[in-house]
Amino acid sequence: MVPHKSILFSGILLFLFVFTEVAAAQLTVYSGRNRALVEPLVNRFEAETGINVRIRYGGTTQLAVAIMEEGRRSPADIFWSQDAGALGALHANSSLMKLPENLADNLPPQFTNPDYTWIATSGRARVLAYDVNRTDVTALPESIFDLTKPEWRGKVGWAPSNASFQSFVTAMRATEGDERTREWLRQMKANGAVAYNNNNSILQAIEAGEVLVGLTNHYYIDRAKSANPNYVISSHSFEAGDVGNLINVAGLGILSSSNRQAEALKFIEFMLQDFAQQFFMNEVFEYPVKIDLGESDRMLEGMLEITPDINLDALRDLDETLRMLRQTDLL
């Protein structure tokens, strides 16, 4: 017996409806964040919302460039940046939609840009790492500019080729100007600052006694301390407002070309929930960006009291920073 045409038609309509719903319930994320750092949260988001997430992992800068080159044809719905500079670049390119301002209700103003086109998910601080057994803490410098003094000759490790250092230099240019920044770089080099490939290498050099202190991000030290309570390296912050205390962020923006903006907004809301913020704090060892997490309030408030006053969108000016590093023979 041949099924009635109306039954066949209804079945086709049901299939198309289900197919359309499944196709719609998918997000494409371009992530400059490392897979190991964010995958547990992404998996939980999928399980709780039923929204499938397809992620393209890569370097933050490279993915931002790809989005700008793809334009409105980009398959990305969300950009998850490791660095505020790349978010600022996409904002300047009009690639990001304006987010609902109530997303930032429990966030300090530093953790979104003035136009609300991106929002931070976690933060990391620049610090001066030092060996607690070989360092007189009372003699540690009050300003990052003090590291050019004779007493620090040959004792400072840094990583000019590292992206986080380059973002810091961009921040120095924004707050102190190009001339002072260029002079600081030249004086640091003349004072025998020792170059390493990355932050971990700096900490290893301090442990080995090659240098006494090093410019790095706070979470490398915190992770090591979590694994080894007797870890000999600790972190020092400069005086309040010093650019050496820069707080950079990882953050999210929704592409203005996305046709899944409602689902993308759910993704951002998810990453700002308390359990996600606790994950960034306890598992990734970055700072949470919310001010109502109880145990983290003191830590977050202390961080915000000393960070320089800067619009993090300014970190997008990386090309001039790279040019300056080359001019000073640091790259």
C-alpha atoms as a PDB file:
ATOM      1  CA  MET A   1       0.000   0.000   0.000  1.00  0.00           C
ATOM      2  CA  VAL A   2       1.413   3.418  -1.006  1.00  0.00           C
ATOM      3  CA  PRO A   3       1.450   5.979   1.822  1.00  0.00           C
ATOM      4  CA  HIS A   4      -0.909   8.889   1.412  1.00  0.00           C
ATOM      5  CA  LYS A   5       0.716  11.948  -0.195  1.00  0.00           C
ATOM      6  CA  SER A   6      -0.208  14.154   2.774  1.00  0.00           C
ATOM      7  CA  ILE A   7       1.629  11.801   5.140  1.00  0.00           C
ATOM      8  CA  LEU A   8       4.701  11.861   2.919  1.00  0.00           C
ATOM      9  CA  PHE A   9       4.546  15.654   2.718  1.00  0.00           C
ATOM     10  CA  SER A  10       4.198  15.975   6.489  1.00  0.00           C
ATOM     11  CA  GLY A  11       7.194  13.703   6.970  1.00  0.00           C
ATOM     12  CA  ILE A  12       9.289  15.800   4.610  1.00  0.00           C
ATOM     13  CA  LEU A  13       8.284  18.972   6.430  1.00  0.00           C
ATOM     14  CA  LEU A  14       9.196  17.417   9.790  1.00  0.00           C
ATOM     15  CA  PHE A  15      12.596  16.343   8.437  1.00  0.00           C
ATOM     16  CA  LEU A  16      13.285  19.804   7.068  1.00  0.00           C
ATOM     17  CA  PHE A  17      12.236  21.410  10.347  1.00  0.00           C
ATOM     18  CA  VAL A  18      14.491  19.137  12.405  1.00  0.00           C
ATOM     19  CA  PHE A  19      17.371  19.581   9.970  1.00  0.00           C
ATOM     20  CA  THR A  20      16.995  23.352  10.063  1.00  0.00           C
ATOM     21  CA  GLU A  21      16.922  23.379  13.879  1.00  0.00           C
ATOM     22  CA  VAL A  22      20.039  21.192  14.089  1.00  0.00           C
ATOM     23  CA  ALA A  23      21.850  23.313  11.530  1.00  0.00           C
ATOM     24  CA  ALA A  24      20.924  26.493  13.377  1.00  0.00           C
ATOM     25  CA  ALA A  25      22.057  25.131  16.749  1.00  0.00           C
ATOM     26  CA  GLN A  26      25.724  25.295  15.857  1.00  0.00           C
ATOM     27  CA  LEU A  27      28.350  27.925  16.554  1.00  0.00           C
ATOM     28  CA  THR A  28      31.676  28.454  14.856  1.00  0.00           C
ATOM     29  CA  VAL A  29      34.319  29.866  17.170  1.00  0.00           C
ATOM     30  CA  TYR A  30      37.723  31.145  16.094  1.00  0.00           C
ATOM     31  CA  SER A  31      39.779  30.633  19.250  1.00  0.00           C
ATOM     32  CA  GLY A  32      43.177  32.065  20.011  1.00  0.00           C
ATOM     33  CA  ARG A  33      42.868  30.378  23.385  1.00  0.00           C
ATOM     34  CA  ASN A  34      44.669  27.064  23.752  1.00  0.00           C
ATOM     35  CA  ARG A  35      42.441  23.994  23.378  1.00  0.00           C
ATOM     36  CA  ALA A  36      43.568  22.508  26.700  1.00  0.00           C
ATOM     37  CA  LEU A  37      42.584  25.687  28.563  1.00  0.00           C
ATOM     38  CA  VAL A  38      39.039  26.069  27.257  1.00  0.00           C
ATOM     39  CA  GLU A  39      37.827  22.710  25.941  1.00  0.00           C
ATOM     40  CA  PRO A  40      36.303  21.555  29.272  1.00  0.00           C
ATOM     41  CA  LEU A  41      34.103  24.655  29.361  1.00  0.00           C
ATOM     42  CA  VAL A  42      33.132  24.335  25.707  1.00  0.00           C
ATOM     43  CA  ASN A  43      32.131  20.700  26.258  1.00  0.00           C
ATOM     44  CA  ARG A  44      29.988  21.696  29.221  1.00  0.00           C
ATOM     45  CA  PHE A  45      28.346  24.458  27.187  1.00  0.00           C
ATOM     46  CA  GLU A  46      27.419  21.937  24.479  1.00  0.00           C
ATOM     47  CA  ALA A  47      26.033  19.482  27.017  1.00  0.00           C
ATOM     48  CA  GLU A  48      23.933  22.076  28.844  1.00  0.00           C
ATOM     49  CA  THR A  49      22.590  24.017  25.859  1.00  0.00           C
ATOM     50  CA  GLY A  50      22.440  21.445  23.060  1.00  0.00           C
ATOM     51  CA  ILE A  51      24.306  23.900  20.831  1.00  0.00           C
ATOM     52  CA  ASN A  52      27.139  22.322  18.885  1.00  0.00           C
ATOM     53  CA  VAL A  53      30.387  24.273  18.802  1.00  0.00           C
ATOM     54  CA  ARG A  54      32.888  23.986  16.000  1.00  0.00           C
ATOM     55  CA  ILE A  55      36.219  25.532  16.955  1.00  0.00           C
ATOM     56  CA  ARG A  56      39.107  26.636  14.808  1.00  0.00           C
ATOM     57  CA  TYR A  57      42.147  26.984  17.066  1.00  0.00           C
ATOM     58  CA  GLY A  58      45.135  29.085  16.102  1.00  0.00           C
ATOM     59  CA  GLY A  59      47.237  32.103  16.951  1.00  0.00           C
ATOM     60  CA  THR A  60      45.163  35.068  18.101  1.00  0.00           C
ATOM     61  CA  THR A  61      46.693  37.536  15.635  1.00  0.00           C
ATOM     62  CA  GLN A  62      46.472  35.120  12.715  1.00  0.00           C
ATOM     63  CA  LEU A  63      42.798  34.401  13.391  1.00  0.00           C
ATOM     64  CA  ALA A  64      41.963  38.095  13.690  1.00  0.00           C
ATOM     65  CA  VAL A  65      43.653  38.717  10.339  1.00  0.00           C
ATOM     66  CA  ALA A  66      41.728  35.791   8.816  1.00  0.00           C
ATOM     67  CA  ILE A  67      38.409  37.258  10.001  1.00  0.00           C
ATOM     68  CA  MET A  68      39.233  40.636   8.477  1.00  0.00           C
ATOM     69  CA  GLU A  69      40.278  39.019   5.210  1.00  0.00           C
ATOM     70  CA  GLU A  70      37.144  36.849   5.088  1.00  0.00           C
ATOM     71  CA  GLY A  71      34.902  39.835   5.774  1.00  0.00           C
ATOM     72  CA  ARG A  72      31.182  39.106   5.803  1.00  0.00           C
ATOM     73  CA  ARG A  73      31.912  35.695   4.271  1.00  0.00           C
ATOM     74  CA  SER A  74      33.638  34.542   7.456  1.00  0.00           C
ATOM     75  CA  PRO A  75      32.140  31.344   8.873  1.00  0.00           C
ATOM     76  CA  ALA A  76      33.034  32.529  12.383  1.00  0.00           C
ATOM     77  CA  ASP A  77      30.284  33.546  14.778  1.00  0.00           C
ATOM     78  CA  ILE A  78      32.544  34.269  17.743  1.00  0.00           C
ATOM     79  CA  PHE A  79      36.136  35.368  18.162  1.00  0.00           C
ATOM     80  CA  TRP A  80      37.779  34.256  21.409  1.00  0.00           C
ATOM     81  CA  SER A  81      40.971  36.195  21.752  1.00  0.00           C
ATOM     82  CA  GLN A  82      43.977  35.537  23.948  1.00  0.00           C
ATOM     83  CA  ASP A  83      44.751  39.236  23.850  1.00  0.00           C
ATOM     84  CA  ALA A  84      42.819  42.508  23.976  1.00  0.00           C
ATOM     85  CA  GLY A  85      44.801  43.913  21.063  1.00  0.00           C
ATOM     86  CA  ALA A  86      43.271  41.537  18.533  1.00  0.00           C
ATOM     87  CA  LEU A  87      39.784  42.364  19.817  1.00  0.00           C
ATOM     88  CA  GLY A  88      40.614  46.034  19.442  1.00  0.00           C
ATOM     89  CA  ALA A  89      41.735  45.442  15.872  1.00  0.00           C
ATOM     90  CA  LEU A  90      38.439  43.758  14.976  1.00  0.00           C
ATOM     91  CA  HIS A  91      36.524  46.556  16.702  1.00  0.00           C
ATOM     92  CA  ALA A  92      38.398  49.153  14.642  1.00  0.00           C
ATOM     93  CA  ASN A  93      37.560  47.124  11.529  1.00  0.00           C
ATOM     94  CA  SER A  94      33.817  47.178  12.431  1.00  0.00           C
ATOM     95  CA  SER A  95      33.848  43.377  12.524  1.00  0.00           C
ATOM     96  CA  LEU A  96      32.136  43.044  15.922  1.00  0.00           C
ATOM     97  CA  MET A  97      28.528  43.720  16.921  1.00  0.00           C
ATOM     98  CA  LYS A  98      27.596  45.776  19.975  1.00  0.00           C
ATOM     99  CA  LEU A  99      26.841  43.557  22.963  1.00  0.00           C
ATOM    100  CA  PRO A 100      24.027  44.135  25.466  1.00  0.00           C
ATOM    101  CA  GLU A 101      25.407  46.477  28.100  1.00  0.00           C
ATOM    102  CA  ASN A 102      23.872  44.457  30.951  1.00  0.00           C
ATOM    103  CA  LEU A 103      26.435  41.727  30.222  1.00  0.00           C
ATOM    104  CA  ALA A 104      28.941  43.935  32.016  1.00  0.00           C
ATOM    105  CA  ASP A 105      26.784  44.636  35.086  1.00  0.00           C
ATOM    106  CA  ASN A 106      29.087  42.678  37.414  1.00  0.00           C
ATOM    107  CA  LEU A 107      32.316  43.561  35.651  1.00  0.00           C
ATOM    108  CA  PRO A 108      34.698  46.469  36.318  1.00  0.00           C
ATOM    109  CA  PRO A 109      34.809  48.891  33.354  1.00  0.00           C
ATOM    110  CA  GLN A 110      38.325  47.758  32.380  1.00  0.00           C
ATOM    111  CA  PHE A 111      36.897  44.448  31.193  1.00  0.00           C
ATOM    112  CA  THR A 112      34.974  45.696  28.189  1.00  0.00           C
ATOM    113  CA  ASN A 113      35.677  48.424  25.672  1.00  0.00           C
ATOM    114  CA  PRO A 114      33.683  51.690  25.731  1.00  0.00           C
ATOM    115  CA  ASP A 115      31.594  50.605  22.738  1.00  0.00           C
ATOM    116  CA  TYR A 116      30.711  47.200  24.234  1.00  0.00           C
ATOM    117  CA  THR A 117      31.864  45.236  21.204  1.00  0.00           C
ATOM    118  CA  TRP A 118      33.900  42.767  23.268  1.00  0.00           C
ATOM    119  CA  ILE A 119      33.957  41.537  26.842  1.00  0.00           C
ATOM    120  CA  ALA A 120      36.714  39.938  28.900  1.00  0.00           C
ATOM    121  CA  THR A 121      36.467  36.399  30.214  1.00  0.00           C
ATOM    122  CA  SER A 122      39.664  36.377  32.310  1.00  0.00           C
ATOM    123  CA  GLY A 123      42.683  38.537  33.035  1.00  0.00           C
ATOM    124  CA  ARG A 124      46.410  38.162  33.545  1.00  0.00           C
ATOM    125  CA  ALA A 125      48.855  40.559  35.137  1.00  0.00           C
ATOM    126  CA  ARG A 126      52.380  41.480  34.207  1.00  0.00           C
ATOM    127  CA  VAL A 127      54.676  41.003  37.196  1.00  0.00           C
ATOM    128  CA  LEU A 128      58.328  40.906  38.127  1.00  0.00           C
ATOM    129  CA  ALA A 129      59.300  37.349  39.055  1.00  0.00           C
ATOM    130  CA  TYR A 130      62.101  36.928  41.583  1.00  0.00           C
ATOM    131  CA  ASP A 131      63.956  34.216  43.511  1.00  0.00           C
ATOM    132  CA  VAL A 132      62.841  34.446  47.148  1.00  0.00           C
ATOM    133  CA  ASN A 133      66.094  32.915  48.404  1.00  0.00           C
ATOM    134  CA  ARG A 134      68.426  35.282  46.581  1.00  0.00           C
ATOM    135  CA  THR A 135      66.482  38.545  46.581  1.00  0.00           C
ATOM    136  CA  ASP A 136      66.149  41.334  49.108  1.00  0.00           C
ATOM    137  CA  VAL A 137      62.466  42.167  48.631  1.00  0.00           C
ATOM    138  CA  THR A 138      62.971  45.630  50.094  1.00  0.00           C
ATOM    139  CA  ALA A 139      65.314  46.411  47.207  1.00  0.00           C
ATOM    140  CA  LEU A 140      62.884  45.409  44.452  1.00  0.00           C
ATOM    141  CA  PRO A 141      62.100  48.325  42.112  1.00  0.00           C
ATOM    142  CA  GLU A 142      59.066  50.569  42.500  1.00  0.00           C
ATOM    143  CA  SER A 143      58.808  51.156  38.747  1.00  0.00           C
ATOM    144  CA  ILE A 144      59.584  49.100  35.706  1.00  0.00           C
ATOM    145  CA  PHE A 145      61.742  52.011  34.555  1.00  0.00           C
ATOM    146  CA  ASP A 146      64.048  51.399  37.536  1.00  0.00           C
ATOM    147  CA  LEU A 147      65.240  48.160  35.914  1.00  0.00           C
ATOM    148  CA  THR A 148      67.591  50.200  33.728  1.00  0.00           C
ATOM    149  CA  LYS A 149      69.619  51.267  36.788  1.00  0.00           C
ATOM    150  CA  PRO A 150      73.169  49.902  37.279  1.00  0.00           C
ATOM    151  CA  GLU A 151      72.188  47.647  40.193  1.00  0.00           C
ATOM    152  CA  TRP A 152      70.110  45.539  37.791  1.00  0.00           C
ATOM    153  CA  ARG A 153      72.813  45.112  35.160  1.00  0.00           C
ATOM    154  CA  GLY A 154      72.692  41.577  33.746  1.00  0.00           C
ATOM    155  CA  LYS A 155      70.118  40.478  36.334  1.00  0.00           C
ATOM    156  CA  VAL A 156      66.842  40.839  34.386  1.00  0.00           C
ATOM    157  CA  GLY A 157      65.270  38.271  32.069  1.00  0.00           C
ATOM    158  CA  TRP A 158      62.745  39.262  29.405  1.00  0.00           C
ATOM    159  CA  ALA A 159      61.230  37.828  26.216  1.00  0.00           C
ATOM    160  CA  PRO A 160      61.025  40.441  23.418  1.00  0.00           C
ATOM    161  CA  SER A 161      59.770  37.875  20.888  1.00  0.00           C
ATOM    162  CA  ASN A 162      56.881  36.796  23.138  1.00  0.00           C
ATOM    163  CA  ALA A 163      53.372  38.050  22.334  1.00  0.00           C
ATOM    164  CA  SER A 164      52.533  39.016  25.918  1.00  0.00           C
ATOM    165  CA  PHE A 165      55.690  41.115  26.164  1.00  0.00           C
ATOM    166  CA  GLN A 166      54.870  42.801  22.874  1.00  0.00           C
ATOM    167  CA  SER A 167      51.393  43.667  24.156  1.00  0.00           C
ATOM    168  CA  PHE A 168      53.019  45.163  27.250  1.00  0.00           C
ATOM    169  CA  VAL A 169      55.327  47.300  25.072  1.00  0.00           C
ATOM    170  CA  THR A 170      52.281  48.461  23.119  1.00  0.00           C
ATOM    171  CA  ALA A 171      50.681  49.483  26.409  1.00  0.00           C
ATOM    172  CA  MET A 172      53.823  51.383  27.364  1.00  0.00           C
ATOM    173  CA  ARG A 173      53.677  53.235  24.057  1.00  0.00           C
ATOM    174  CA  ALA A 174      50.025  54.127  24.723  1.00  0.00           C
ATOM    175  CA  THR A 175      50.660  55.388  28.261  1.00  0.00           C
ATOM    176  CA  GLU A 176      54.216  56.764  28.098  1.00  0.00           C
ATOM    177  CA  GLY A 177      54.689  57.625  24.425  1.00  0.00           C
ATOM    178  CA  ASP A 178      56.928  56.181  21.730  1.00  0.00           C
ATOM    179  CA  GLU A 179      60.039  58.174  22.645  1.00  0.00           C
ATOM    180  CA  ARG A 180      60.153  57.052  26.265  1.00  0.00           C
ATOM    181  CA  THR A 181      59.312  53.471  25.323  1.00  0.00           C
ATOM    182  CA  ARG A 182      62.064  53.306  22.706  1.00  0.00           C
ATOM    183  CA  GLU A 183      64.555  54.736  25.189  1.00  0.00           C
ATOM    184  CA  TRP A 184      63.524  52.189  27.839  1.00  0.00           C
ATOM    185  CA  LEU A 185      64.069  49.329  25.399  1.00  0.00           C
ATOM    186  CA  ARG A 186      67.508  50.671  24.452  1.00  0.00           C
ATOM    187  CA  GLN A 187      68.527  51.193  28.074  1.00  0.00           C
ATOM    188  CA  MET A 188      67.340  47.722  29.075  1.00  0.00           C
ATOM    189  CA  LYS A 189      69.409  46.181  26.318  1.00  0.00           C
ATOM    190  CA  ALA A 190      72.435  48.306  27.212  1.00  0.00           C
ATOM    191  CA  ASN A 191      72.000  47.252  30.841  1.00  0.00           C
ATOM    192  CA  GLY A 192      72.421  43.602  29.869  1.00  0.00           C
ATOM    193  CA  ALA A 193      68.830  42.354  30.066  1.00  0.00           C
ATOM    194  CA  VAL A 194      68.927  38.691  29.017  1.00  0.00           C
ATOM    195  CA  ALA A 195      66.522  37.626  26.257  1.00  0.00           C
ATOM    196  CA  TYR A 196      64.618  34.327  26.442  1.00  0.00           C
ATOM    197  CA  ASN A 197      62.107  32.748  24.093  1.00  0.00           C
ATOM    198  CA  ASN A 198      59.133  32.683  26.451  1.00  0.00           C
ATOM    199  CA  ASN A 199      57.898  33.146  30.005  1.00  0.00           C
ATOM    200  CA  ASN A 200      58.658  29.594  31.137  1.00  0.00           C
ATOM    201  CA  SER A 201      62.242  29.985  29.979  1.00  0.00           C
ATOM    202  CA  ILE A 202      62.550  33.122  32.103  1.00  0.00           C
ATOM    203  CA  LEU A 203      61.404  31.275  35.215  1.00  0.00           C
ATOM    204  CA  GLN A 204      63.770  28.402  34.494  1.00  0.00           C
ATOM    205  CA  ALA A 205      66.612  30.905  34.140  1.00  0.00           C
ATOM    206  CA  ILE A 206      65.785  32.420  37.536  1.00  0.00           C
ATOM    207  CA  GLU A 207      65.759  28.946  39.109  1.00  0.00           C
ATOM    208  CA  ALA A 208      69.113  28.173  37.485  1.00  0.00           C
ATOM    209  CA  GLY A 209      70.651  31.397  38.796  1.00  0.00           C
ATOM    210  CA  GLU A 210      71.212  32.884  35.334  1.00  0.00           C
ATOM    211  CA  VAL A 211      69.232  36.006  36.248  1.00  0.00           C
ATOM    212  CA  LEU A 212      67.764  37.313  39.498  1.00  0.00           C
ATOM    213  CA  VAL A 213      64.402  38.636  38.253  1.00  0.00           C
ATOM    214  CA  GLY A 214      62.263  38.440  35.109  1.00  0.00           C
ATOM    215  CA  LEU A 215      59.317  40.144  33.423  1.00  0.00           C
ATOM    216  CA  THR A 216      56.492  37.652  32.954  1.00  0.00           C
ATOM    217  CA  ASN A 217      52.773  36.959  33.474  1.00  0.00           C
ATOM    218  CA  HIS A 218      51.533  36.134  36.967  1.00  0.00           C
ATOM    219  CA  TYR A 219      49.859  32.813  36.188  1.00  0.00           C
ATOM    220  CA  TYR A 220      53.076  31.024  35.255  1.00  0.00           C
ATOM    221  CA  ILE A 221      54.233  31.516  38.824  1.00  0.00           C
ATOM    222  CA  ASP A 222      50.859  30.614  40.346  1.00  0.00           C
ATOM    223  CA  ARG A 223      50.653  27.384  38.338  1.00  0.00           C
ATOM    224  CA  ALA A 224      54.126  26.355  39.454  1.00  0.00           C
ATOM    225  CA  LYS A 225      53.310  27.149  43.089  1.00  0.00           C
ATOM    226  CA  SER A 226      50.154  25.046  42.855  1.00  0.00           C
ATOM    227  CA  ALA A 227      52.220  22.049  41.764  1.00  0.00           C
ATOM    228  CA  ASN A 228      55.057  22.746  44.204  1.00  0.00           C
ATOM    229  CA  PRO A 229      54.357  24.638  47.452  1.00  0.00           C
ATOM    230  CA  ASN A 230      58.130  25.059  47.915  1.00  0.00           C
ATOM    231  CA  TYR A 231      58.584  26.806  44.583  1.00  0.00           C
ATOM    232  CA  VAL A 232      61.332  29.399  45.037  1.00  0.00           C
ATOM    233  CA  ILE A 233      59.922  32.058  42.708  1.00  0.00           C
ATOM    234  CA  SER A 234      57.401  34.694  43.719  1.00  0.00           C
ATOM    235  CA  SER A 235      55.921  37.778  42.038  1.00  0.00           C
ATOM    236  CA  HIS A 236      56.404  41.476  42.693  1.00  0.00           C
ATOM    237  CA  SER A 237      54.144  44.297  41.521  1.00  0.00           C
ATOM    238  CA  PHE A 238      55.339  47.825  40.890  1.00  0.00           C
ATOM    239  CA  GLU A 239      53.823  50.967  42.366  1.00  0.00           C
ATOM    240  CA  ALA A 240      50.159  51.676  41.611  1.00  0.00           C
ATOM    241  CA  GLY A 241      49.545  52.866  38.080  1.00  0.00           C
ATOM    242  CA  ASP A 242      52.909  51.696  36.744  1.00  0.00           C
ATOM    243  CA  VAL A 243      52.624  50.254  33.242  1.00  0.00           C
ATOM    244  CA  GLY A 244      54.598  47.251  34.484  1.00  0.00           C
ATOM    245  CA  ASN A 245      51.379  46.174  36.215  1.00  0.00           C
ATOM    246  CA  LEU A 246      49.433  45.908  32.956  1.00  0.00           C
ATOM    247  CA  ILE A 247      46.365  43.688  33.104  1.00  0.00           C
ATOM    248  CA  ASN A 248      45.693  42.134  29.717  1.00  0.00           C
ATOM    249  CA  VAL A 249      42.618  40.022  29.059  1.00  0.00           C
ATOM    250  CA  ALA A 250      41.265  37.134  27.087  1.00  0.00           C
ATOM    251  CA  GLY A 251      37.856  38.029  25.731  1.00  0.00           C
ATOM    252  CA  LEU A 252      34.964  37.337  23.396  1.00  0.00           C
ATOM    253  CA  GLY A 253      33.327  39.239  20.583  1.00  0.00           C
ATOM    254  CA  ILE A 254      30.449  38.314  18.275  1.00  0.00           C
ATOM    255  CA  LEU A 255      30.942  38.926  14.578  1.00  0.00           C
ATOM    256  CA  SER A 256      28.522  41.406  13.103  1.00  0.00           C
ATOM    257  CA  SER A 257      28.244  39.088  10.083  1.00  0.00           C
ATOM    258  CA  SER A 258      27.034  36.124  12.177  1.00  0.00           C
ATOM    259  CA  ASN A 259      23.502  34.839  11.656  1.00  0.00           C
ATOM    260  CA  ARG A 260      23.671  32.972  14.984  1.00  0.00           C
ATOM    261  CA  GLN A 261      24.026  35.952  17.262  1.00  0.00           C
ATOM    262  CA  ALA A 262      21.439  34.716  19.783  1.00  0.00           C
ATOM    263  CA  GLU A 263      23.339  31.452  20.271  1.00  0.00           C
ATOM    264  CA  ALA A 264      26.629  33.348  20.372  1.00  0.00           C
ATOM    265  CA  LEU A 265      25.278  35.557  23.131  1.00  0.00           C
ATOM    266  CA  LYS A 266      24.421  32.442  25.145  1.00  0.00           C
ATOM    267  CA  PHE A 267      28.048  31.352  24.757  1.00  0.00           C
ATOM    268  CA  ILE A 268      29.308  34.624  26.222  1.00  0.00           C
ATOM    269  CA  GLU A 269      26.787  34.532  29.064  1.00  0.00           C
ATOM    270  CA  PHE A 270      27.921  30.987  29.843  1.00  0.00           C
ATOM    271  CA  MET A 271      31.574  31.994  30.105  1.00  0.00           C
ATOM    272  CA  LEU A 272      30.681  34.742  32.578  1.00  0.00           C
ATOM    273  CA  GLN A 273      28.782  32.443  34.930  1.00  0.00           C
ATOM    274  CA  ASP A 274      30.320  31.807  38.336  1.00  0.00           C
ATOM    275  CA  PHE A 275      31.457  28.232  37.645  1.00  0.00           C
ATOM    276  CA  ALA A 276      33.236  29.314  34.452  1.00  0.00           C
ATOM    277  CA  GLN A 277      34.931  32.179  36.253  1.00  0.00           C
ATOM    278  CA  GLN A 278      35.971  29.794  39.014  1.00  0.00           C
ATOM    279  CA  PHE A 279      37.416  27.500  36.341  1.00  0.00           C
ATOM    280  CA  PHE A 280      39.563  30.287  34.913  1.00  0.00           C
ATOM    281  CA  MET A 281      40.756  31.146  38.410  1.00  0.00           C
ATOM    282  CA  ASN A 282      41.371  27.648  39.812  1.00  0.00           C
ATOM    283  CA  GLU A 283      42.343  25.654  36.713  1.00  0.00           C
ATOM    284  CA  VAL A 284      43.885  28.217  34.354  1.00  0.00           C
ATOM    285  CA  PHE A 285      45.247  30.426  37.175  1.00  0.00           C
ATOM    286  CA  GLU A 286      44.082  33.631  35.522  1.00  0.00           C
ATOM    287  CA  TYR A 287      42.101  36.371  37.226  1.00  0.00           C
ATOM    288  CA  PRO A 288      38.308  36.204  37.066  1.00  0.00           C
ATOM    289  CA  VAL A 289      36.615  39.324  35.730  1.00  0.00           C
ATOM    290  CA  LYS A 290      33.519  39.289  37.943  1.00  0.00           C
ATOM    291  CA  ILE A 291      33.411  41.153  41.237  1.00  0.00           C
ATOM    292  CA  ASP A 292      30.926  38.915  43.071  1.00  0.00           C
ATOM    293  CA  LEU A 293      32.781  35.612  43.430  1.00  0.00           C
ATOM    294  CA  GLY A 294      33.465  35.902  47.143  1.00  0.00           C
ATOM    295  CA  GLU A 295      36.982  34.532  47.656  1.00  0.00           C
ATOM    296  CA  SER A 296      38.292  36.259  44.537  1.00  0.00           C
ATOM    297  CA  ASP A 297      37.029  39.739  45.397  1.00  0.00           C
ATOM    298  CA  ARG A 298      40.088  40.782  47.397  1.00  0.00           C
ATOM    299  CA  MET A 299      42.450  39.486  44.732  1.00  0.00           C
ATOM    300  CA  LEU A 300      40.559  41.206  41.928  1.00  0.00           C
ATOM    301  CA  GLU A 301      40.183  44.484  43.796  1.00  0.00           C
ATOM    302  CA  GLY A 302      43.883  44.532  44.619  1.00  0.00           C
ATOM    303  CA  MET A 303      44.752  43.949  40.998  1.00  0.00           C
ATOM    304  CA  LEU A 304      42.515  46.768  39.788  1.00  0.00           C
ATOM    305  CA  GLU A 305      43.998  49.212  42.297  1.00  0.00           C
ATOM    306  CA  ILE A 306      47.470  49.001  40.756  1.00  0.00           C
ATOM    307  CA  THR A 307      46.828  48.490  37.042  1.00  0.00           C
ATOM    308  CA  PRO A 308      47.503  51.451  34.717  1.00  0.00           C
ATOM    309  CA  ASP A 309      44.539  53.377  33.344  1.00  0.00           C
ATOM    310  CA  ILE A 310      44.399  52.310  29.710  1.00  0.00           C
ATOM    311  CA  ASN A 311      41.767  51.512  27.098  1.00  0.00           C
ATOM    312  CA  LEU A 312      42.827  48.011  26.108  1.00  0.00           C
ATOM    313  CA  ASP A 313      41.712  48.657  22.525  1.00  0.00           C
ATOM    314  CA  ALA A 314      45.005  50.574  22.264  1.00  0.00           C
ATOM    315  CA  LEU A 315      46.867  47.258  22.312  1.00  0.00           C
ATOM    316  CA  ARG A 316      45.814  46.729  18.696  1.00  0.00           C
ATOM    317  CA  ASP A 317      48.702  48.902  17.487  1.00  0.00           C
ATOM    318  CA  LEU A 318      51.090  45.963  17.321  1.00  0.00           C
ATOM    319  CA  ASP A 319      52.730  46.740  13.957  1.00  0.00           C
ATOM    320  CA  GLU A 320      54.435  49.854  15.295  1.00  0.00           C
ATOM    321  CA  THR A 321      55.575  47.919  18.365  1.00  0.00           C
ATOM    322  CA  LEU A 322      57.167  45.240  16.183  1.00  0.00           C
ATOM    323  CA  ARG A 323      58.833  47.952  14.116  1.00  0.00           C
ATOM    324  CA  MET A 324      60.226  49.532  17.304  1.00  0.00           C
ATOM    325  CA  LEU A 325      61.560  46.182  18.546  1.00  0.00           C
ATOM    326  CA  ARG A 326      63.314  45.661  15.227  1.00  0.00           C
ATOM    327  CA  GLN A 327      64.754  49.189  15.271  1.00  0.00           C
ATOM    328  CA  THR A 328      66.231  48.516  18.708  1.00  0.00           C
ATOM    329  CA  ASP A 329      67.643  45.149  17.519  1.00  0.00           C
ATOM    330  CA  LEU A 330      65.469  43.141  19.884  1.00  0.00           C
ATOM    331  CA  LEU A 331      63.852  41.109  17.100  1.00  0.00           C
END
